[in-house]
PDB file of N, CA and C in Angstrom:
ATOM      1  N   UNK A   1      89.713  62.203  99.997  1.00  0.00           N
ATOM      2  CA  UNK A   1      89.698  63.611  99.652  1.00  0.00           C
ATOM      3  C   UNK A   1      89.258  64.415 100.879  1.00  0.00           C
ATOM      4  N   UNK A   2      90.069  65.409 101.239  1.00  0.00           N
ATOM      5  CA  UNK A   2      89.767  66.260 102.395  1.00  0.00           C
ATOM      6  C   UNK A   2      88.954  67.468 101.964  1.00  0.00           C
ATOM      7  N   UNK A   3      88.003  67.815 102.785  1.00  0.00           N
ATOM      8  CA  UNK A   3      87.270  69.043 102.526  1.00  0.00           C
ATOM      9  C   UNK A   3      87.861  70.139 103.395  1.00  0.00           C
ATOM     10  N   UNK A   4      88.044  71.281 102.832  1.00  0.00           N
ATOM     11  CA  UNK A   4      88.642  72.409 103.539  1.00  0.00           C
ATOM     12  C   UNK A   4      87.612  73.518 103.647  1.00  0.00           C
ATOM     13  N   UNK A   5      87.380  73.948 104.854  1.00  0.00           N
ATOM     14  CA  UNK A   5      86.458  75.042 105.100  1.00  0.00           C
ATOM     15  C   UNK A   5      87.270  76.263 105.496  1.00  0.00           C
ATOM     16  N   UNK A   6      87.114  77.323 104.746  1.00  0.00           N
ATOM     17  CA  UNK A   6      87.841  78.558 105.051  1.00  0.00           C
ATOM     18  C   UNK A   6      87.225  79.214 106.282  1.00  0.00           C
ATOM     19  N   UNK A   7      88.111  79.670 107.162  1.00  0.00           N
ATOM     20  CA  UNK A   7      87.647  80.382 108.343  1.00  0.00           C
ATOM     21  C   UNK A   7      87.345  81.818 107.956  1.00  0.00           C
ATOM     22  N   UNK A   8      86.268  82.344 108.489  1.00  0.00           N
ATOM     23  CA  UNK A   8      85.927  83.725 108.176  1.00  0.00           C
ATOM     24  C   UNK A   8      86.589  84.658 109.173  1.00  0.00           C
ATOM     25  N   UNK A   9      86.878  85.849 108.709  1.00  0.00           N
ATOM     26  CA  UNK A   9      87.473  86.858 109.580  1.00  0.00           C
ATOM     27  C   UNK A   9      86.340  87.621 110.255  1.00  0.00           C
ATOM     28  N   UNK A  10      86.378  87.698 111.564  1.00  0.00           N
ATOM     29  CA  UNK A  10      85.343  88.399 112.322  1.00  0.00           C
ATOM     30  C   UNK A  10      86.009  89.117 113.493  1.00  0.00           C
ATOM     31  N   UNK A  11      86.526  90.291 113.219  1.00  0.00           N
ATOM     32  CA  UNK A  11      87.237  91.054 114.243  1.00  0.00           C
ATOM     33  C   UNK A  11      86.317  91.506 115.368  1.00  0.00           C
ATOM     34  N   UNK A  12      85.056  91.768 115.049  1.00  0.00           N
ATOM     35  CA  UNK A  12      84.113  92.193 116.090  1.00  0.00           C
ATOM     36  C   UNK A  12      83.886  91.086 117.114  1.00  0.00           C
ATOM     37  N   UNK A  13      83.763  89.850 116.652  1.00  0.00           N
ATOM     38  CA  UNK A  13      83.558  88.732 117.574  1.00  0.00           C
ATOM     39  C   UNK A  13      84.792  88.540 118.449  1.00  0.00           C
ATOM     40  N   UNK A  14      85.973  88.679 117.854  1.00  0.00           N
ATOM     41  CA  UNK A  14      87.210  88.575 118.642  1.00  0.00           C
ATOM     42  C   UNK A  14      87.270  89.683 119.690  1.00  0.00           C
ATOM     43  N   UNK A  15      86.896  90.883 119.287  1.00  0.00           N
ATOM     44  CA  UNK A  15      86.889  92.012 120.213  1.00  0.00           C
ATOM     45  C   UNK A  15      85.904  91.756 121.363  1.00  0.00           C
ATOM     46  N   UNK A  16      84.721  91.284 121.038  1.00  0.00           N
ATOM     47  CA  UNK A  16      83.721  90.998 122.064  1.00  0.00           C
ATOM     48  C   UNK A  16      84.173  89.889 123.008  1.00  0.00           C
ATOM     49  N   UNK A  17      84.894  88.916 122.467  1.00  0.00           N
ATOM     50  CA  UNK A  17      85.378  87.841 123.319  1.00  0.00           C
ATOM     51  C   UNK A  17      86.383  88.389 124.344  1.00  0.00           C
ATOM     52  N   UNK A  18      87.262  89.291 123.904  1.00  0.00           N
ATOM     53  CA  UNK A  18      88.211  89.900 124.834  1.00  0.00           C
ATOM     54  C   UNK A  18      87.479  90.752 125.870  1.00  0.00           C
ATOM     55  N   UNK A  19      86.531  91.555 125.422  1.00  0.00           N
ATOM     56  CA  UNK A  19      85.806  92.437 126.340  1.00  0.00           C
ATOM     57  C   UNK A  19      84.893  91.674 127.299  1.00  0.00           C
ATOM     58  N   UNK A  20      84.461  90.474 126.890  1.00  0.00           N
ATOM     59  CA  UNK A  20      83.569  89.697 127.759  1.00  0.00           C
ATOM     60  C   UNK A  20      84.248  89.294 129.066  1.00  0.00           C
ATOM     61  N   UNK A  21      85.573  89.362 129.110  1.00  0.00           N
ATOM     62  CA  UNK A  21      86.291  89.063 130.355  1.00  0.00           C
ATOM     63  C   UNK A  21      85.950  90.068 131.450  1.00  0.00           C
ATOM     64  N   UNK A  22      85.517  91.245 131.052  1.00  0.00           N
ATOM     65  CA  UNK A  22      85.172  92.282 132.026  1.00  0.00           C
ATOM     66  C   UNK A  22      83.914  91.920 132.820  1.00  0.00           C
ATOM     67  N   UNK A  23      83.198  90.896 132.388  1.00  0.00           N
ATOM     68  CA  UNK A  23      82.036  90.423 133.141  1.00  0.00           C
ATOM     69  C   UNK A  23      82.430  89.922 134.522  1.00  0.00           C
ATOM     70  N   UNK A  24      83.702  89.585 134.704  1.00  0.00           N
ATOM     71  CA  UNK A  24      84.180  89.182 136.031  1.00  0.00           C
ATOM     72  C   UNK A  24      83.899  90.254 137.071  1.00  0.00           C
ATOM     73  N   UNK A  25      83.981  91.499 136.671  1.00  0.00           N
ATOM     74  CA  UNK A  25      83.788  92.602 137.608  1.00  0.00           C
ATOM     75  C   UNK A  25      82.314  92.819 137.939  1.00  0.00           C
ATOM     76  N   UNK A  26      81.423  92.235 137.133  1.00  0.00           N
ATOM     77  CA  UNK A  26      79.987  92.375 137.364  1.00  0.00           C
ATOM     78  C   UNK A  26      79.406  91.107 137.992  1.00  0.00           C
ATOM     79  N   UNK A  27      79.761  89.951 137.417  1.00  0.00           N
ATOM     80  CA  UNK A  27      79.144  88.696 137.848  1.00  0.00           C
ATOM     81  C   UNK A  27      80.049  87.813 138.694  1.00  0.00           C
ATOM     82  N   UNK A  28      81.328  88.042 138.647  1.00  0.00           N
ATOM     83  CA  UNK A  28      82.267  87.226 139.403  1.00  0.00           C
ATOM     84  C   UNK A  28      82.892  86.105 138.595  1.00  0.00           C
ATOM     85  N   UNK A  29      82.121  85.438 137.750  1.00  0.00           N
ATOM     86  CA  UNK A  29      82.668  84.332 136.967  1.00  0.00           C
ATOM     87  C   UNK A  29      82.300  84.428 135.484  1.00  0.00           C
ATOM     88  N   UNK A  30      81.472  85.377 135.120  1.00  0.00           N
ATOM     89  CA  UNK A  30      81.057  85.529 133.721  1.00  0.00           C
ATOM     90  C   UNK A  30      82.209  85.801 132.775  1.00  0.00           C
ATOM     91  N   UNK A  31      83.264  86.406 133.273  1.00  0.00           N
ATOM     92  CA  UNK A  31      84.436  86.700 132.454  1.00  0.00           C
ATOM     93  C   UNK A  31      85.221  85.464 132.094  1.00  0.00           C
ATOM     94  N   UNK A  32      84.908  84.351 132.717  1.00  0.00           N
ATOM     95  CA  UNK A  32      85.509  83.072 132.346  1.00  0.00           C
ATOM     96  C   UNK A  32      84.541  82.264 131.484  1.00  0.00           C
ATOM     97  N   UNK A  33      83.275  82.236 131.875  1.00  0.00           N
ATOM     98  CA  UNK A  33      82.269  81.406 131.205  1.00  0.00           C
ATOM     99  C   UNK A  33      81.974  81.887 129.782  1.00  0.00           C
ATOM    100  N   UNK A  34      81.735  83.178 129.614  1.00  0.00           N
ATOM    101  CA  UNK A  34      81.349  83.697 128.289  1.00  0.00           C
ATOM    102  C   UNK A  34      82.463  83.512 127.255  1.00  0.00           C
ATOM    103  N   UNK A  35      83.720  83.901 127.548  1.00  0.00           N
ATOM    104  CA  UNK A  35      84.773  83.635 126.548  1.00  0.00           C
ATOM    105  C   UNK A  35      84.966  82.145 126.267  1.00  0.00           C
ATOM    106  N   UNK A  36      84.781  81.316 127.303  1.00  0.00           N
ATOM    107  CA  UNK A  36      84.909  79.871 127.118  1.00  0.00           C
ATOM    108  C   UNK A  36      83.860  79.360 126.132  1.00  0.00           C
ATOM    109  N   UNK A  37      82.631  79.813 126.286  1.00  0.00           N
ATOM    110  CA  UNK A  37      81.551  79.390 125.378  1.00  0.00           C
ATOM    111  C   UNK A  37      81.806  79.912 123.962  1.00  0.00           C
ATOM    112  N   UNK A  38      82.190  81.189 123.854  1.00  0.00           N
ATOM    113  CA  UNK A  38      82.487  81.755 122.524  1.00  0.00           C
ATOM    114  C   UNK A  38      83.616  80.997 121.848  1.00  0.00           C
ATOM    115  N   UNK A  39      84.667  80.736 122.599  1.00  0.00           N
ATOM    116  CA  UNK A  39      85.825  80.028 122.043  1.00  0.00           C
ATOM    117  C   UNK A  39      85.434  78.611 121.615  1.00  0.00           C
ATOM    118  N   UNK A  40      84.729  77.903 122.475  1.00  0.00           N
ATOM    119  CA  UNK A  40      84.367  76.511 122.185  1.00  0.00           C
ATOM    120  C   UNK A  40      83.447  76.383 120.980  1.00  0.00           C
ATOM    121  N   UNK A  41      82.554  77.343 120.811  1.00  0.00           N
ATOM    122  CA  UNK A  41      81.582  77.241 119.715  1.00  0.00           C
ATOM    123  C   UNK A  41      82.066  77.855 118.403  1.00  0.00           C
ATOM    124  N   UNK A  42      83.030  78.777 118.466  1.00  0.00           N
ATOM    125  CA  UNK A  42      83.431  79.506 117.263  1.00  0.00           C
ATOM    126  C   UNK A  42      84.862  79.242 116.801  1.00  0.00           C
ATOM    127  N   UNK A  43      85.624  78.432 117.530  1.00  0.00           N
ATOM    128  CA  UNK A  43      87.043  78.254 117.208  1.00  0.00           C
ATOM    129  C   UNK A  43      87.285  77.634 115.838  1.00  0.00           C
ATOM    130  N   UNK A  44      86.348  76.865 115.333  1.00  0.00           N
ATOM    131  CA  UNK A  44      86.497  76.245 114.016  1.00  0.00           C
ATOM    132  C   UNK A  44      85.848  77.061 112.908  1.00  0.00           C
ATOM    133  N   UNK A  45      85.287  78.214 113.258  1.00  0.00           N
ATOM    134  CA  UNK A  45      84.571  79.026 112.277  1.00  0.00           C
ATOM    135  C   UNK A  45      85.225  80.372 112.012  1.00  0.00           C
ATOM    136  N   UNK A  46      85.911  80.917 113.018  1.00  0.00           N
ATOM    137  CA  UNK A  46      86.450  82.277 112.911  1.00  0.00           C
ATOM    138  C   UNK A  46      87.967  82.229 112.980  1.00  0.00           C
ATOM    139  N   UNK A  47      88.577  82.921 112.044  1.00  0.00           N
ATOM    140  CA  UNK A  47      90.035  83.015 111.982  1.00  0.00           C
ATOM    141  C   UNK A  47      90.586  83.641 113.265  1.00  0.00           C
ATOM    142  N   UNK A  48      91.627  83.058 113.830  1.00  0.00           N
ATOM    143  CA  UNK A  48      92.318  83.504 115.051  1.00  0.00           C
ATOM    144  C   UNK A  48      91.526  83.262 116.329  1.00  0.00           C
ATOM    145  N   UNK A  49      90.322  82.739 116.247  1.00  0.00           N
ATOM    146  CA  UNK A  49      89.513  82.510 117.448  1.00  0.00           C
ATOM    147  C   UNK A  49      90.155  81.457 118.346  1.00  0.00           C
ATOM    148  N   UNK A  50      90.712  80.404 117.765  1.00  0.00           N
ATOM    149  CA  UNK A  50      91.292  79.338 118.576  1.00  0.00           C
ATOM    150  C   UNK A  50      92.491  79.855 119.367  1.00  0.00           C
ATOM    151  N   UNK A  51      93.402  80.538 118.704  1.00  0.00           N
ATOM    152  CA  UNK A  51      94.599  81.046 119.389  1.00  0.00           C
ATOM    153  C   UNK A  51      94.252  82.079 120.447  1.00  0.00           C
ATOM    154  N   UNK A  52      93.401  83.030 120.094  1.00  0.00           N
ATOM    155  CA  UNK A  52      93.051  84.077 121.051  1.00  0.00           C
ATOM    156  C   UNK A  52      92.189  83.531 122.187  1.00  0.00           C
ATOM    157  N   UNK A  53      91.356  82.545 121.893  1.00  0.00           N
ATOM    158  CA  UNK A  53      90.557  81.907 122.937  1.00  0.00           C
ATOM    159  C   UNK A  53      91.442  81.185 123.948  1.00  0.00           C
ATOM    160  N   UNK A  54      92.458  80.496 123.454  1.00  0.00           N
ATOM    161  CA  UNK A  54      93.406  79.829 124.349  1.00  0.00           C
ATOM    162  C   UNK A  54      94.142  80.858 125.207  1.00  0.00           C
ATOM    163  N   UNK A  55      94.549  81.962 124.578  1.00  0.00           N
ATOM    164  CA  UNK A  55      95.233  83.022 125.332  1.00  0.00           C
ATOM    165  C   UNK A  55      94.341  83.571 126.445  1.00  0.00           C
ATOM    166  N   UNK A  56      93.074  83.790 126.128  1.00  0.00           N
ATOM    167  CA  UNK A  56      92.135  84.321 127.122  1.00  0.00           C
ATOM    168  C   UNK A  56      91.916  83.323 128.248  1.00  0.00           C
ATOM    169  N   UNK A  57      91.728  82.056 127.911  1.00  0.00           N
ATOM    170  CA  UNK A  57      91.518  81.043 128.950  1.00  0.00           C
ATOM    171  C   UNK A  57      92.751  80.924 129.842  1.00  0.00           C
ATOM    172  N   UNK A  58      93.930  80.917 129.234  1.00  0.00           N
ATOM    173  CA  UNK A  58      95.162  80.857 130.022  1.00  0.00           C
ATOM    174  C   UNK A  58      95.296  82.078 130.925  1.00  0.00           C
ATOM    175  N   UNK A  59      94.927  83.249 130.422  1.00  0.00           N
ATOM    176  CA  UNK A  59      94.990  84.474 131.213  1.00  0.00           C
ATOM    177  C   UNK A  59      94.021  84.408 132.386  1.00  0.00           C
ATOM    178  N   UNK A  60      92.803  83.959 132.137  1.00  0.00           N
ATOM    179  CA  UNK A  60      91.796  83.858 133.194  1.00  0.00           C
ATOM    180  C   UNK A  60      92.209  82.840 134.263  1.00  0.00           C
ATOM    181  N   UNK A  61      92.713  81.696 133.828  1.00  0.00           N
ATOM    182  CA  UNK A  61      93.168  80.680 134.783  1.00  0.00           C
ATOM    183  C   UNK A  61      94.361  81.212 135.583  1.00  0.00           C
ATOM    184  N   UNK A  62      95.269  81.910 134.920  1.00  0.00           N
ATOM    185  CA  UNK A  62      96.438  82.483 135.603  1.00  0.00           C
ATOM    186  C   UNK A  62      96.017  83.503 136.654  1.00  0.00           C
ATOM    187  N   UNK A  63      95.074  84.381 136.303  1.00  0.00           N
ATOM    188  CA  UNK A  63      94.600  85.367 137.272  1.00  0.00           C
ATOM    189  C   UNK A  63      93.972  84.687 138.485  1.00  0.00           C
ATOM    190  N   UNK A  64      93.232  83.607 138.235  1.00  0.00           N
ATOM    191  CA  UNK A  64      92.620  82.865 139.344  1.00  0.00           C
ATOM    192  C   UNK A  64      93.698  82.266 140.254  1.00  0.00           C
ATOM    193  N   UNK A  65      94.699  81.640 139.651  1.00  0.00           N
ATOM    194  CA  UNK A  65      95.794  81.048 140.437  1.00  0.00           C
ATOM    195  C   UNK A  65      96.504  82.120 141.245  1.00  0.00           C
ATOM    196  N   UNK A  66      96.819  83.250 140.602  1.00  0.00           N
ATOM    197  CA  UNK A  66      97.505  84.339 141.312  1.00  0.00           C
ATOM    198  C   UNK A  66      96.652  84.868 142.466  1.00  0.00           C
ATOM    199  N   UNK A  67      95.354  84.955 142.259  1.00  0.00           N
ATOM    200  CA  UNK A  67      94.458  85.437 143.317  1.00  0.00           C
ATOM    201  C   UNK A  67      94.426  84.482 144.505  1.00  0.00           C
ATOM    202  N   UNK A  68      94.364  83.197 144.225  1.00  0.00           N
ATOM    203  CA  UNK A  68      94.351  82.199 145.296  1.00  0.00           C
ATOM    204  C   UNK A  68      95.655  82.249 146.084  1.00  0.00           C
ATOM    205  N   UNK A  69      96.770  82.420 145.396  1.00  0.00           N
ATOM    206  CA  UNK A  69      98.067  82.517 146.068  1.00  0.00           C
ATOM    207  C   UNK A  69      98.127  83.771 146.941  1.00  0.00           C
ATOM    208  N   UNK A  70      97.479  84.843 146.512  1.00  0.00           N
ATOM    209  CA  UNK A  70      97.515  86.102 147.261  1.00  0.00           C
ATOM    210  C   UNK A  70      96.673  86.090 148.529  1.00  0.00           C
ATOM    211  N   UNK A  71      95.693  85.219 148.605  1.00  0.00           N
ATOM    212  CA  UNK A  71      94.789  85.225 149.762  1.00  0.00           C
ATOM    213  C   UNK A  71      95.536  85.040 151.083  1.00  0.00           C
ATOM    214  N   UNK A  72      96.424  84.043 151.210  1.00  0.00           N
ATOM    215  CA  UNK A  72      97.152  83.941 152.481  1.00  0.00           C
ATOM    216  C   UNK A  72      98.104  85.123 152.712  1.00  0.00           C
ATOM    217  N   UNK A  73      98.549  85.733 151.625  1.00  0.00           N
ATOM    218  CA  UNK A  73      99.468  86.871 151.751  1.00  0.00           C
ATOM    219  C   UNK A  73      98.779  88.131 152.268  1.00  0.00           C
ATOM    220  N   UNK A  74      97.455  88.123 152.277  1.00  0.00           N
ATOM    221  CA  UNK A  74      96.703  89.257 152.809  1.00  0.00           C
ATOM    222  C   UNK A  74      97.042  89.467 154.284  1.00  0.00           C
ATOM    223  N   UNK A  75      97.289  88.374 154.986  1.00  0.00           N
ATOM    224  CA  UNK A  75      97.567  88.472 156.419  1.00  0.00           C
ATOM    225  C   UNK A  75      98.898  89.146 156.735  1.00  0.00           C
ATOM    226  N   UNK A  76      99.813  89.180 155.756  1.00  0.00           N
ATOM    227  CA  UNK A  76     101.066  89.891 155.993  1.00  0.00           C
ATOM    228  C   UNK A  76     101.107  91.236 155.263  1.00  0.00           C
ATOM    229  N   UNK A  77     100.006  91.616 154.646  1.00  0.00           N
ATOM    230  CA  UNK A  77      99.878  92.939 154.059  1.00  0.00           C
ATOM    231  C   UNK A  77     100.124  93.041 152.574  1.00  0.00           C
ATOM    232  N   UNK A  78     101.027  92.247 152.041  1.00  0.00           N
ATOM    233  CA  UNK A  78     101.366  92.362 150.619  1.00  0.00           C
ATOM    234  C   UNK A  78     100.273  91.806 149.715  1.00  0.00           C
ATOM    235  N   UNK A  79      99.450  90.907 150.239  1.00  0.00           N
ATOM    236  CA  UNK A  79      98.396  90.286 149.440  1.00  0.00           C
ATOM    237  C   UNK A  79      97.382  91.277 148.911  1.00  0.00           C
ATOM    238  N   UNK A  80      97.057  92.290 149.698  1.00  0.00           N
ATOM    239  CA  UNK A  80      96.079  93.300 149.261  1.00  0.00           C
ATOM    240  C   UNK A  80      96.620  94.060 148.056  1.00  0.00           C
ATOM    241  N   UNK A  81      97.871  94.440 148.125  1.00  0.00           N
ATOM    242  CA  UNK A  81      98.494  95.176 147.015  1.00  0.00           C
ATOM    243  C   UNK A  81      98.537  94.300 145.767  1.00  0.00           C
ATOM    244  N   UNK A  82      98.910  93.043 145.933  1.00  0.00           N
ATOM    245  CA  UNK A  82      98.964  92.129 144.792  1.00  0.00           C
ATOM    246  C   UNK A  82      97.581  91.869 144.209  1.00  0.00           C
ATOM    247  N   UNK A  83      96.563  91.747 145.040  1.00  0.00           N
ATOM    248  CA  UNK A  83      95.197  91.564 144.533  1.00  0.00           C
ATOM    249  C   UNK A  83      94.721  92.779 143.741  1.00  0.00           C
ATOM    250  N   UNK A  84      95.098  93.966 144.200  1.00  0.00           N
ATOM    251  CA  UNK A  84      94.760  95.188 143.455  1.00  0.00           C
ATOM    252  C   UNK A  84      95.451  95.180 142.098  1.00  0.00           C
ATOM    253  N   UNK A  85      96.729  94.783 142.071  1.00  0.00           N
ATOM    254  CA  UNK A  85      97.459  94.707 140.794  1.00  0.00           C
ATOM    255  C   UNK A  85      96.842  93.665 139.863  1.00  0.00           C
ATOM    256  N   UNK A  86      96.421  92.542 140.412  1.00  0.00           N
ATOM    257  CA  UNK A  86      95.759  91.514 139.605  1.00  0.00           C
ATOM    258  C   UNK A  86      94.451  92.063 139.029  1.00  0.00           C
ATOM    259  N   UNK A  87      93.708  92.810 139.837  1.00  0.00           N
ATOM    260  CA  UNK A  87      92.470  93.428 139.360  1.00  0.00           C
ATOM    261  C   UNK A  87      92.723  94.418 138.230  1.00  0.00           C
ATOM    262  N   UNK A  88      93.790  95.190 138.361  1.00  0.00           N
ATOM    263  CA  UNK A  88      94.146  96.152 137.305  1.00  0.00           C
ATOM    264  C   UNK A  88      94.525  95.409 136.028  1.00  0.00           C
ATOM    265  N   UNK A  89      95.353  94.358 136.150  1.00  0.00           N
ATOM    266  CA  UNK A  89      95.712  93.550 134.977  1.00  0.00           C
ATOM    267  C   UNK A  89      94.470  92.957 134.322  1.00  0.00           C
ATOM    268  N   UNK A  90      93.563  92.445 135.145  1.00  0.00           N
ATOM    269  CA  UNK A  90      92.343  91.828 134.634  1.00  0.00           C
ATOM    270  C   UNK A  90      91.378  92.811 133.996  1.00  0.00           C
ATOM    271  N   UNK A  91      91.558  94.091 134.273  1.00  0.00           N
ATOM    272  CA  UNK A  91      90.708  95.121 133.674  1.00  0.00           C
ATOM    273  C   UNK A  91      91.356  95.743 132.435  1.00  0.00           C
ATOM    274  N   UNK A  92      92.638  96.028 132.525  1.00  0.00           N
ATOM    275  CA  UNK A  92      93.327  96.775 131.462  1.00  0.00           C
ATOM    276  C   UNK A  92      93.637  95.912 130.240  1.00  0.00           C
ATOM    277  N   UNK A  93      94.183  94.723 130.447  1.00  0.00           N
ATOM    278  CA  UNK A  93      94.633  93.938 129.297  1.00  0.00           C
ATOM    279  C   UNK A  93      93.519  93.405 128.408  1.00  0.00           C
ATOM    280  N   UNK A  94      92.343  93.048 128.922  1.00  0.00           N
ATOM    281  CA  UNK A  94      91.262  92.712 127.987  1.00  0.00           C
ATOM    282  C   UNK A  94      90.874  93.891 127.089  1.00  0.00           C
ATOM    283  N   UNK A  95      90.924  95.099 127.618  1.00  0.00           N
ATOM    284  CA  UNK A  95      90.594  96.278 126.805  1.00  0.00           C
ATOM    285  C   UNK A  95      91.669  96.508 125.742  1.00  0.00           C
ATOM    286  N   UNK A  96      92.936  96.454 126.151  1.00  0.00           N
ATOM    287  CA  UNK A  96      94.039  96.632 125.196  1.00  0.00           C
ATOM    288  C   UNK A  96      93.967  95.587 124.097  1.00  0.00           C
ATOM    289  N   UNK A  97      93.748  94.326 124.482  1.00  0.00           N
ATOM    290  CA  UNK A  97      93.708  93.257 123.486  1.00  0.00           C
ATOM    291  C   UNK A  97      92.445  93.288 122.638  1.00  0.00           C
ATOM    292  N   UNK A  98      91.355  93.819 123.151  1.00  0.00           N
ATOM    293  CA  UNK A  98      90.146  93.997 122.335  1.00  0.00           C
ATOM    294  C   UNK A  98      90.415  95.010 121.231  1.00  0.00           C
ATOM    295  N   UNK A  99      91.113  96.076 121.578  1.00  0.00           N
ATOM    296  CA  UNK A  99      91.471  97.088 120.570  1.00  0.00           C
ATOM    297  C   UNK A  99      92.405  96.481 119.532  1.00  0.00           C
ATOM    298  N   UNK A 100      93.395  95.724 119.994  1.00  0.00           N
ATOM    299  CA  UNK A 100      94.324  95.076 119.055  1.00  0.00           C
ATOM    300  C   UNK A 100      93.585  94.101 118.141  1.00  0.00           C
ATOM    301  N   UNK A 101      92.693  93.291 118.703  1.00  0.00           N
ATOM    302  CA  UNK A 101      91.937  92.328 117.893  1.00  0.00           C
ATOM    303  C   UNK A 101      91.053  93.042 116.878  1.00  0.00           C
ATOM    304  N   UNK A 102      90.479  94.159 117.281  1.00  0.00           N
ATOM    305  CA  UNK A 102      89.644  94.948 116.381  1.00  0.00           C
ATOM    306  C   UNK A 102      90.447  95.501 115.208  1.00  0.00           C
ATOM    307  N   UNK A 103      91.722  95.808 115.463  1.00  0.00           N
ATOM    308  CA  UNK A 103      92.596  96.342 114.417  1.00  0.00           C
ATOM    309  C   UNK A 103      93.329  95.252 113.645  1.00  0.00           C
ATOM    310  N   UNK A 104      93.104  93.990 114.006  1.00  0.00           N
ATOM    311  CA  UNK A 104      93.764  92.883 113.322  1.00  0.00           C
ATOM    312  C   UNK A 104      95.199  92.669 113.765  1.00  0.00           C
ATOM    313  N   UNK A 105      95.590  93.239 114.899  1.00  0.00           N
ATOM    314  CA  UNK A 105      96.950  93.098 115.417  1.00  0.00           C
ATOM    315  C   UNK A 105      97.027  91.882 116.332  1.00  0.00           C
ATOM    316  N   UNK A 106      98.231  91.318 116.511  1.00  0.00           N
ATOM    317  CA  UNK A 106      98.372  90.192 117.452  1.00  0.00           C
ATOM    318  C   UNK A 106      98.156  90.642 118.894  1.00  0.00           C
ATOM    319  N   UNK A 107      97.550  89.772 119.684  1.00  0.00           N
ATOM    320  CA  UNK A 107      97.254  90.090 121.080  1.00  0.00           C
ATOM    321  C   UNK A 107      98.255  89.397 121.996  1.00  0.00           C
ATOM    322  N   UNK A 108      98.381  89.921 123.218  1.00  0.00           N
ATOM    323  CA  UNK A 108      99.316  89.354 124.178  1.00  0.00           C
ATOM    324  C   UNK A 108      98.838  89.645 125.593  1.00  0.00           C
ATOM    325  N   UNK A 109      98.822  88.608 126.423  1.00  0.00           N
ATOM    326  CA  UNK A 109      98.500  88.765 127.832  1.00  0.00           C
ATOM    327  C   UNK A 109      99.762  88.478 128.637  1.00  0.00           C
ATOM    328  N   UNK A 110     100.254  89.451 129.395  1.00  0.00           N
ATOM    329  CA  UNK A 110     101.486  89.235 130.154  1.00  0.00           C
ATOM    330  C   UNK A 110     101.241  88.360 131.388  1.00  0.00           C
ATOM    331  N   UNK A 111     102.305  87.786 131.896  1.00  0.00           N
ATOM    332  CA  UNK A 111     102.286  86.982 133.126  1.00  0.00           C
ATOM    333  C   UNK A 111     101.312  85.816 133.055  1.00  0.00           C
ATOM    334  N   UNK A 112     101.119  85.279 131.854  1.00  0.00           N
ATOM    335  CA  UNK A 112     100.165  84.191 131.651  1.00  0.00           C
ATOM    336  C   UNK A 112     100.881  82.847 131.686  1.00  0.00           C
ATOM    337  N   UNK A 113     100.318  81.922 132.436  1.00  0.00           N
ATOM    338  CA  UNK A 113     100.813  80.552 132.471  1.00  0.00           C
ATOM    339  C   UNK A 113     100.135  79.806 131.324  1.00  0.00           C
ATOM    340  N   UNK A 114     100.926  79.224 130.438  1.00  0.00           N
ATOM    341  CA  UNK A 114     100.366  78.512 129.282  1.00  0.00           C
ATOM    342  C   UNK A 114      99.944  77.096 129.688  1.00  0.00           C
ATOM    343  N   UNK A 115      98.704  76.976 130.119  1.00  0.00           N
ATOM    344  CA  UNK A 115      98.146  75.699 130.543  1.00  0.00           C
ATOM    345  C   UNK A 115      97.494  75.005 129.348  1.00  0.00           C
ATOM    346  N   UNK A 116      96.711  75.757 128.599  1.00  0.00           N
ATOM    347  CA  UNK A 116      96.042  75.254 127.399  1.00  0.00           C
ATOM    348  C   UNK A 116      96.937  75.597 126.211  1.00  0.00           C
ATOM    349  N   UNK A 117      97.356  74.583 125.477  1.00  0.00           N
ATOM    350  CA  UNK A 117      98.281  74.835 124.350  1.00  0.00           C
ATOM    351  C   UNK A 117      97.667  74.551 123.028  1.00  0.00           C
TER     352      UNK A 117
END
């Protein structure tokens, strides 16, 4: 006999997990660590936490990969522009998706490499 535990809906926690990515701009790596901890500890308790946590981790890993690729491109000039665009993406989309999560809408991070499935 299987026991089934219903997941609770917690839009505020989902919203906070999306917004916690902004810690990257303050601490440098907090925007990866905090969502990772929230996702790992709450994915079996909160509805949509597993899917949105995977999306956030994939987005954070993708931004890191794109940033590393841009570093050598700085020497030819285009890397600076691309790093600025990556910074804008890393700032704007967590806010947009936090609002969507708060409203119960599906979230989406563009240009994300799906590493964690």
